[in-house]
N, C-alpha and C. Protein backbone atom coordinates (compact mmCIF):
# COMPACT_ATOMS: atom_id res chain seq x y z
N MET A 1 -36.30 347.51 50.70
CA MET A 1 -35.58 346.90 49.55
C MET A 1 -36.66 345.85 48.99
N THR A 2 -36.85 345.84 47.68
CA THR A 2 -37.77 344.77 47.17
C THR A 2 -37.08 343.47 47.01
N ALA A 3 -37.91 342.48 46.78
CA ALA A 3 -37.29 341.17 46.66
C ALA A 3 -36.17 341.02 45.54
N GLN A 4 -36.54 341.62 44.38
CA GLN A 4 -35.42 341.64 43.32
C GLN A 4 -34.27 342.27 43.71
N GLN A 5 -34.27 343.55 44.47
CA GLN A 5 -33.09 344.21 44.96
C GLN A 5 -32.34 343.37 45.86
N THR A 6 -32.98 342.58 46.77
CA THR A 6 -32.35 341.69 47.70
C THR A 6 -31.65 340.66 47.03
N ILE A 7 -32.27 339.99 45.99
CA ILE A 7 -31.52 338.89 45.17
C ILE A 7 -30.37 339.44 44.36
N THR A 8 -30.63 340.65 43.81
CA THR A 8 -29.47 341.27 43.02
C THR A 8 -28.28 341.58 44.06
N ALA A 9 -28.64 342.02 45.28
CA ALA A 9 -27.55 342.46 46.25
C ALA A 9 -26.83 341.02 46.54
N LYS A 10 -27.54 340.05 46.88
CA LYS A 10 -26.95 338.75 47.34
C LYS A 10 -26.09 338.15 46.25
N THR A 11 -26.56 338.30 44.89
CA THR A 11 -25.89 337.75 43.77
C THR A 11 -24.57 338.39 43.56
N LYS A 12 -24.61 339.81 43.68
CA LYS A 12 -23.43 340.72 43.54
C LYS A 12 -22.26 340.32 44.53
N SER A 13 -22.78 340.13 45.71
CA SER A 13 -21.84 339.89 46.93
C SER A 13 -21.27 338.41 46.72
N ALA A 14 -22.17 337.54 46.22
CA ALA A 14 -21.65 336.13 46.10
C ALA A 14 -20.62 335.94 44.99
N VAL A 15 -20.70 336.77 43.87
CA VAL A 15 -19.75 336.60 42.88
C VAL A 15 -18.62 337.68 42.85
N GLY A 16 -18.79 338.53 43.76
CA GLY A 16 -17.73 339.60 43.82
C GLY A 16 -16.56 339.12 44.77
N PHE A 17 -15.57 340.07 45.01
CA PHE A 17 -14.47 339.64 45.92
C PHE A 17 -14.90 339.89 47.41
N SER A 18 -14.45 339.13 48.27
CA SER A 18 -14.57 339.41 49.61
C SER A 18 -13.82 340.72 50.20
N THR A 19 -14.22 341.10 51.36
CA THR A 19 -13.49 342.30 51.89
C THR A 19 -11.89 341.89 52.03
N GLU A 20 -11.72 340.71 52.33
CA GLU A 20 -10.24 340.41 52.65
C GLU A 20 -9.59 340.40 51.16
N GLU A 21 -10.14 339.88 50.16
CA GLU A 21 -9.61 339.80 48.86
C GLU A 21 -9.37 341.29 48.27
N ARG A 22 -10.26 342.06 48.59
CA ARG A 22 -10.34 343.52 48.07
C ARG A 22 -9.07 344.14 48.75
N ALA A 23 -8.95 343.90 50.05
CA ALA A 23 -7.79 344.39 50.96
C ALA A 23 -6.47 343.92 50.34
N ALA A 24 -6.36 342.70 49.91
CA ALA A 24 -5.09 342.08 49.34
C ALA A 24 -4.97 342.68 48.08
N MET A 25 -5.90 342.91 47.23
CA MET A 25 -5.62 343.50 45.96
C MET A 25 -4.95 344.98 46.07
N LYS A 26 -5.60 345.71 47.17
CA LYS A 26 -5.10 347.06 47.41
C LYS A 26 -3.66 347.01 47.94
N GLU A 27 -3.28 346.03 48.78
CA GLU A 27 -1.89 345.81 49.16
C GLU A 27 -1.04 345.57 48.05
N HIS A 28 -1.46 344.74 47.09
CA HIS A 28 -0.65 344.33 45.87
C HIS A 28 -0.42 345.63 45.07
N ALA A 29 -1.44 346.59 44.91
CA ALA A 29 -1.24 347.73 44.22
C ALA A 29 -0.32 348.66 44.80
N GLN A 30 -0.29 348.68 46.14
CA GLN A 30 0.67 349.42 46.92
C GLN A 30 2.16 348.86 46.81
N GLU A 31 2.24 347.50 46.74
CA GLU A 31 3.48 346.79 46.51
C GLU A 31 3.99 347.12 45.23
N LEU A 32 3.30 347.28 44.17
CA LEU A 32 3.68 347.49 42.77
C LEU A 32 4.19 348.96 42.90
N LYS A 33 3.50 350.00 43.48
CA LYS A 33 3.95 351.41 43.61
C LYS A 33 5.23 351.43 44.26
N THR A 34 5.39 350.70 45.35
CA THR A 34 6.75 350.63 46.05
C THR A 34 7.80 350.21 45.21
N ALA A 35 7.63 349.08 44.54
CA ALA A 35 8.70 348.48 43.66
C ALA A 35 9.04 349.53 42.50
N ALA A 36 8.06 350.22 41.96
CA ALA A 36 8.30 351.13 40.97
C ALA A 36 9.10 352.38 41.44
N ARG A 37 8.80 352.78 42.73
CA ARG A 37 9.49 353.89 43.28
C ARG A 37 10.93 353.51 43.76
N ARG A 38 11.08 352.23 44.11
CA ARG A 38 12.49 351.78 44.34
C ARG A 38 13.26 351.66 43.05
N GLY A 39 12.53 351.26 42.02
CA GLY A 39 13.30 350.98 40.64
C GLY A 39 14.52 350.24 40.82
N SER A 40 15.49 350.46 40.06
CA SER A 40 16.69 349.76 40.04
C SER A 40 17.49 349.70 41.31
N ARG A 41 17.09 350.68 42.26
CA ARG A 41 17.78 350.72 43.49
C ARG A 41 17.33 349.64 44.38
N ALA A 42 16.25 348.90 44.12
CA ALA A 42 15.77 347.86 44.92
C ALA A 42 16.75 346.79 45.21
N THR A 43 16.80 346.41 46.50
CA THR A 43 17.85 345.24 46.86
C THR A 43 17.05 344.05 47.44
N ARG A 44 17.76 343.03 47.61
CA ARG A 44 17.21 341.92 48.25
C ARG A 44 16.78 342.29 49.67
N ALA A 45 17.64 343.09 50.32
CA ALA A 45 17.29 343.43 51.69
C ALA A 45 16.01 344.15 51.89
N ASP A 46 15.66 344.93 50.80
CA ASP A 46 14.35 345.68 50.94
C ASP A 46 13.22 344.67 50.91
N GLY A 47 13.34 343.73 50.08
CA GLY A 47 12.19 342.62 50.04
C GLY A 47 12.31 341.86 51.36
N GLU A 48 13.48 341.60 51.93
CA GLU A 48 13.55 340.75 53.12
C GLU A 48 12.92 341.64 54.30
N GLN A 49 13.27 342.95 54.38
CA GLN A 49 12.73 343.75 55.30
C GLN A 49 11.27 343.87 55.24
N ASP A 50 10.67 343.99 54.02
CA ASP A 50 9.29 344.05 53.91
C ASP A 50 8.56 342.84 54.48
N VAL A 51 9.15 341.76 54.03
CA VAL A 51 8.57 340.48 54.54
C VAL A 51 8.57 340.31 56.11
N LEU A 52 9.72 340.59 56.71
CA LEU A 52 9.90 340.49 58.08
C LEU A 52 8.95 341.45 58.75
N MET A 53 8.87 342.70 58.28
CA MET A 53 7.84 343.53 59.00
C MET A 53 6.39 343.04 58.78
N LYS A 54 6.08 342.40 57.74
CA LYS A 54 4.72 341.83 57.47
C LYS A 54 4.52 340.74 58.44
N ILE A 55 5.47 339.82 58.60
CA ILE A 55 5.39 338.75 59.50
C ILE A 55 5.26 339.15 60.82
N ALA A 56 5.98 340.22 61.31
CA ALA A 56 5.84 340.86 62.70
C ALA A 56 4.46 341.22 63.02
N GLU A 57 3.77 341.82 62.10
CA GLU A 57 2.34 342.29 62.20
C GLU A 57 1.29 341.17 62.46
N MET A 58 1.79 339.98 62.08
CA MET A 58 0.69 338.87 62.20
C MET A 58 0.46 338.51 63.65
N GLY A 59 -0.79 337.94 63.80
CA GLY A 59 -1.13 337.24 65.12
C GLY A 59 -0.10 336.02 65.35
N GLU A 60 -0.01 335.68 66.62
CA GLU A 60 0.87 334.81 67.10
C GLU A 60 0.91 333.46 66.20
N SER A 61 -0.23 332.84 66.00
CA SER A 61 -0.20 331.43 65.37
C SER A 61 0.31 331.67 63.96
N ASP A 62 -0.24 332.64 63.14
CA ASP A 62 0.27 332.87 61.83
C ASP A 62 1.74 333.38 61.85
N ARG A 63 2.15 334.18 62.63
CA ARG A 63 3.50 334.56 62.75
C ARG A 63 4.48 333.37 63.03
N VAL A 64 4.17 332.53 63.87
CA VAL A 64 5.02 331.34 64.07
C VAL A 64 5.20 330.51 62.72
N LEU A 65 4.06 330.38 62.08
CA LEU A 65 4.16 329.57 60.85
C LEU A 65 4.91 330.43 59.68
N ALA A 66 4.68 331.58 59.63
CA ALA A 66 5.35 332.44 58.70
C ALA A 66 6.92 332.54 58.89
N GLU A 67 7.30 332.74 60.12
CA GLU A 67 8.61 332.75 60.59
C GLU A 67 9.35 331.45 60.07
N GLY A 68 8.67 330.29 60.42
CA GLY A 68 9.13 328.96 60.19
C GLY A 68 9.46 328.83 58.69
N ILE A 69 8.47 329.17 57.89
CA ILE A 69 8.51 329.02 56.41
C ILE A 69 9.60 329.85 55.96
N HIS A 70 9.63 331.23 56.50
CA HIS A 70 10.82 332.10 56.06
C HIS A 70 12.20 331.46 56.27
N ALA A 71 12.37 330.94 57.40
CA ALA A 71 13.59 330.30 57.65
C ALA A 71 13.86 329.05 56.79
N ALA A 72 12.83 328.27 56.56
CA ALA A 72 12.99 327.02 55.80
C ALA A 72 13.30 327.38 54.30
N VAL A 73 12.54 328.42 53.80
CA VAL A 73 12.82 328.79 52.33
C VAL A 73 14.33 329.41 52.22
N LYS A 74 14.59 330.30 53.12
CA LYS A 74 15.99 330.79 53.05
C LYS A 74 17.05 329.62 53.17
N ALA A 75 16.78 328.75 53.96
CA ALA A 75 17.81 327.71 54.11
C ALA A 75 17.86 326.62 52.92
N SER A 76 16.67 326.44 52.30
CA SER A 76 16.54 325.43 51.26
C SER A 76 16.77 326.00 49.99
N ALA A 77 16.41 327.25 49.79
CA ALA A 77 16.68 327.89 48.37
C ALA A 77 17.06 329.39 48.70
N PRO A 78 18.37 329.61 48.91
CA PRO A 78 18.77 330.94 49.10
C PRO A 78 18.80 331.78 47.88
N SER A 79 18.54 331.30 46.89
CA SER A 79 18.50 331.95 45.54
C SER A 79 17.26 332.76 45.41
N LEU A 80 16.25 332.31 46.20
CA LEU A 80 14.87 332.95 45.97
C LEU A 80 14.90 334.32 46.82
N THR A 81 14.21 335.25 46.20
CA THR A 81 14.09 336.53 46.79
C THR A 81 12.83 336.81 47.49
N PRO A 82 12.91 337.17 48.91
CA PRO A 82 11.76 337.43 49.54
C PRO A 82 11.10 338.71 48.94
N LYS A 83 9.83 338.72 49.07
CA LYS A 83 8.97 339.86 48.61
C LYS A 83 7.57 339.84 49.14
N LEU A 84 6.89 340.87 49.14
CA LEU A 84 5.41 340.74 49.47
C LEU A 84 4.68 340.57 48.25
N TRP A 85 3.56 339.81 48.40
CA TRP A 85 2.68 339.38 47.29
C TRP A 85 1.29 339.39 47.74
N TYR A 86 0.48 340.46 47.41
CA TYR A 86 -0.86 340.55 47.90
C TYR A 86 -0.82 340.64 49.42
N GLY A 87 0.24 341.27 49.96
CA GLY A 87 0.33 341.61 51.39
C GLY A 87 0.85 340.48 52.17
N MET A 88 1.37 339.37 51.50
CA MET A 88 1.68 338.14 52.27
C MET A 88 3.24 337.77 51.92
N PRO A 89 3.89 337.08 52.70
CA PRO A 89 5.36 336.78 52.34
C PRO A 89 5.41 335.92 51.10
N ALA A 90 6.24 336.10 50.35
CA ALA A 90 6.48 335.30 49.07
C ALA A 90 8.01 335.29 48.65
N TYR A 91 8.18 334.30 47.77
CA TYR A 91 9.64 334.07 47.46
C TYR A 91 9.73 333.92 46.07
N ALA A 92 10.63 334.76 45.27
CA ALA A 92 10.56 334.80 43.88
C ALA A 92 11.87 334.56 43.22
N SER A 93 11.83 334.09 42.04
CA SER A 93 13.04 333.85 41.14
C SER A 93 12.77 334.68 39.86
N ASP A 94 13.86 335.49 39.61
CA ASP A 94 13.66 336.40 38.42
C ASP A 94 12.46 337.23 38.40
N GLY A 95 11.96 337.76 39.53
CA GLY A 95 10.74 338.53 39.96
C GLY A 95 9.50 337.80 39.83
N LYS A 96 9.52 336.54 39.66
CA LYS A 96 8.26 335.76 39.49
C LYS A 96 8.08 335.00 40.71
N VAL A 97 6.96 334.92 41.33
CA VAL A 97 6.74 334.24 42.60
C VAL A 97 6.78 332.67 42.45
N VAL A 98 7.60 332.16 43.21
CA VAL A 98 7.69 330.52 43.21
C VAL A 98 6.74 329.95 44.28
N CYS A 99 6.89 330.53 45.57
CA CYS A 99 6.10 330.09 46.64
C CYS A 99 5.70 331.26 47.63
N PHE A 100 4.62 331.04 48.39
CA PHE A 100 4.07 332.06 49.19
C PHE A 100 3.40 331.46 50.50
N PHE A 101 3.22 332.32 51.45
CA PHE A 101 2.42 331.98 52.60
C PHE A 101 1.14 332.81 52.58
N ARG A 102 0.24 332.15 53.05
CA ARG A 102 -1.18 332.85 53.03
C ARG A 102 -1.67 332.75 54.55
N SER A 103 -1.98 333.73 55.12
CA SER A 103 -2.31 333.93 56.55
C SER A 103 -3.74 333.21 56.70
N ALA A 104 -4.03 332.56 57.85
CA ALA A 104 -5.27 332.18 58.14
C ALA A 104 -6.13 333.29 58.71
N GLU A 105 -5.55 334.02 59.57
CA GLU A 105 -6.15 335.04 60.16
C GLU A 105 -6.64 336.22 59.30
N LYS A 106 -5.80 336.64 58.30
CA LYS A 106 -6.14 337.66 57.55
C LYS A 106 -7.28 337.45 56.53
N PHE A 107 -7.33 336.06 56.19
CA PHE A 107 -8.34 335.60 55.24
C PHE A 107 -9.55 334.98 55.86
N LYS A 108 -9.37 335.02 57.21
CA LYS A 108 -10.59 334.36 57.88
C LYS A 108 -10.69 332.88 57.53
N SER A 109 -9.67 332.21 57.37
CA SER A 109 -9.61 330.85 57.05
C SER A 109 -9.39 329.83 58.22
N ARG A 110 -9.67 328.74 58.07
CA ARG A 110 -9.45 327.74 59.14
C ARG A 110 -8.11 327.39 59.24
N TYR A 111 -7.34 327.47 58.22
CA TYR A 111 -5.79 327.18 58.17
C TYR A 111 -5.09 328.10 57.35
N ALA A 112 -3.75 328.25 57.76
CA ALA A 112 -2.89 328.99 56.82
C ALA A 112 -2.49 328.10 55.68
N THR A 113 -1.92 328.65 54.61
CA THR A 113 -1.66 327.92 53.35
C THR A 113 -0.22 328.26 52.96
N PHE A 114 0.53 327.22 52.61
CA PHE A 114 1.70 327.37 51.92
C PHE A 114 1.63 326.91 50.41
N GLY A 115 1.78 327.83 49.50
CA GLY A 115 1.45 327.36 48.16
C GLY A 115 2.53 327.78 47.21
N PHE A 116 2.42 327.30 45.86
CA PHE A 116 3.29 327.50 44.86
C PHE A 116 2.63 327.96 43.69
N GLU A 117 3.40 328.89 42.92
CA GLU A 117 2.89 329.25 41.66
C GLU A 117 3.43 328.48 40.61
N ASP A 118 2.98 328.75 39.30
CA ASP A 118 3.43 327.84 38.13
C ASP A 118 4.90 327.79 37.79
N LYS A 119 5.60 328.94 38.33
CA LYS A 119 7.07 328.78 38.16
C LYS A 119 7.75 327.74 38.99
N ALA A 120 7.20 327.18 39.95
CA ALA A 120 7.72 326.19 40.77
C ALA A 120 7.53 324.76 39.86
N ILE A 121 8.73 324.14 40.13
CA ILE A 121 8.96 322.86 39.40
C ILE A 121 8.45 321.61 40.24
N LEU A 122 7.24 321.46 40.40
CA LEU A 122 6.80 320.38 41.24
C LEU A 122 6.00 319.29 40.40
N ASP A 123 6.29 319.32 39.09
CA ASP A 123 5.49 318.39 38.25
C ASP A 123 5.77 317.03 38.67
N ASP A 124 4.70 316.23 38.67
CA ASP A 124 4.54 314.71 38.92
C ASP A 124 3.63 314.23 38.18
N GLY A 125 3.78 313.71 36.90
CA GLY A 125 2.74 313.19 36.19
C GLY A 125 1.85 314.25 35.58
N THR A 126 0.55 313.94 35.56
CA THR A 126 -0.49 314.72 34.98
C THR A 126 -1.21 315.65 36.06
N MET A 127 -0.77 315.36 37.44
CA MET A 127 -1.63 316.00 38.55
C MET A 127 -0.62 316.06 39.77
N TRP A 128 -0.59 317.25 40.35
CA TRP A 128 0.30 317.38 41.65
C TRP A 128 -0.31 318.41 42.52
N PRO A 129 0.03 318.50 43.96
CA PRO A 129 -0.54 319.50 44.63
C PRO A 129 0.31 320.74 44.60
N THR A 130 -0.32 321.96 44.73
CA THR A 130 0.53 323.22 44.56
C THR A 130 0.12 324.11 45.81
N SER A 131 -0.66 323.49 46.78
CA SER A 131 -1.05 324.25 47.99
C SER A 131 -1.19 323.35 49.07
N PHE A 132 -0.78 323.81 50.40
CA PHE A 132 -0.76 322.83 51.55
C PHE A 132 -1.32 323.64 52.60
N ALA A 133 -2.28 322.93 53.38
CA ALA A 133 -2.79 323.54 54.64
C ALA A 133 -1.75 323.48 55.68
N LEU A 134 -1.65 324.41 56.49
CA LEU A 134 -0.55 324.44 57.58
C LEU A 134 -1.27 324.79 58.88
N THR A 135 -1.30 324.15 59.95
CA THR A 135 -1.86 324.45 61.18
C THR A 135 -0.96 324.51 62.20
N GLU A 136 0.27 323.96 62.17
CA GLU A 136 1.34 324.04 63.19
C GLU A 136 2.68 323.80 62.70
N TRP A 137 3.65 324.66 63.18
CA TRP A 137 5.07 324.44 62.67
C TRP A 137 5.82 323.32 63.47
N THR A 138 6.07 322.32 62.91
CA THR A 138 6.66 321.20 63.52
C THR A 138 7.96 320.85 62.77
N SER A 139 8.81 319.98 63.30
CA SER A 139 10.05 319.68 62.55
C SER A 139 9.66 318.87 61.24
N ALA A 140 8.52 318.13 61.32
CA ALA A 140 8.04 317.45 60.11
C ALA A 140 7.64 318.46 59.02
N ALA A 141 6.86 319.48 59.39
CA ALA A 141 6.39 320.59 58.45
C ALA A 141 7.68 321.30 57.95
N GLU A 142 8.75 321.55 58.78
CA GLU A 142 9.84 322.24 58.38
C GLU A 142 10.61 321.41 57.29
N LYS A 143 10.71 320.03 57.58
CA LYS A 143 11.41 319.20 56.61
C LYS A 143 10.49 319.14 55.18
N LYS A 144 9.28 318.91 55.35
CA LYS A 144 8.43 319.04 54.09
C LYS A 144 8.56 320.29 53.22
N VAL A 145 8.43 321.39 53.97
CA VAL A 145 8.58 322.63 53.23
C VAL A 145 9.90 322.67 52.59
N GLY A 146 11.07 322.41 53.21
CA GLY A 146 12.40 322.44 52.72
C GLY A 146 12.45 321.64 51.57
N GLU A 147 11.78 320.38 51.51
CA GLU A 147 12.02 319.40 50.39
C GLU A 147 11.26 319.99 49.28
N LEU A 148 10.03 320.51 49.55
CA LEU A 148 9.10 321.04 48.50
C LEU A 148 9.77 322.36 47.80
N VAL A 149 10.33 323.13 48.57
CA VAL A 149 11.07 324.38 48.13
C VAL A 149 12.22 323.87 47.12
N LYS A 150 13.02 322.95 47.74
CA LYS A 150 14.17 322.48 46.90
C LYS A 150 13.73 321.98 45.54
N LYS A 151 12.66 321.18 45.59
CA LYS A 151 12.22 320.60 44.39
C LYS A 151 11.69 321.75 43.48
N ALA A 152 10.92 322.74 43.94
CA ALA A 152 10.33 323.70 43.19
C ALA A 152 11.37 324.70 42.46
N VAL A 153 12.56 324.82 42.99
CA VAL A 153 13.47 325.75 42.35
C VAL A 153 14.38 324.86 41.39
N GLY A 154 14.25 323.43 41.43
CA GLY A 154 15.00 322.57 40.67
C GLY A 154 16.32 322.29 41.08
């Protein structure tokens, strides 16, 4: 490989998607196909089952976090519908994602993330957090997640 080919290869990989990101996009495409196949027959239970199955597949540390978030979201905002979003548990209102869990293990990250999309009503002045690092499920984390979710749905 010439020096130019090496530079070009490095540049393409640096600006392209990671293996984990590409896998998440493939999962999202599959989620869209599944939703289209279910069509109007889709139920809240379908989304809940999909999310619980995905959580069950996770490694122990991510699974504990995802189970805690799932329970906290259900308790704090029962109006949100569980669904998969890029292969991760998410919770939607009117089909639009409000909040989501992102596995540390799947994305080879130092910590898991609990985040919000722009449908969430977290506005606080001109700047506010929309994503939170999560390393351990504690009563304080449960309380904070519950408060954030309640605020997010209004």
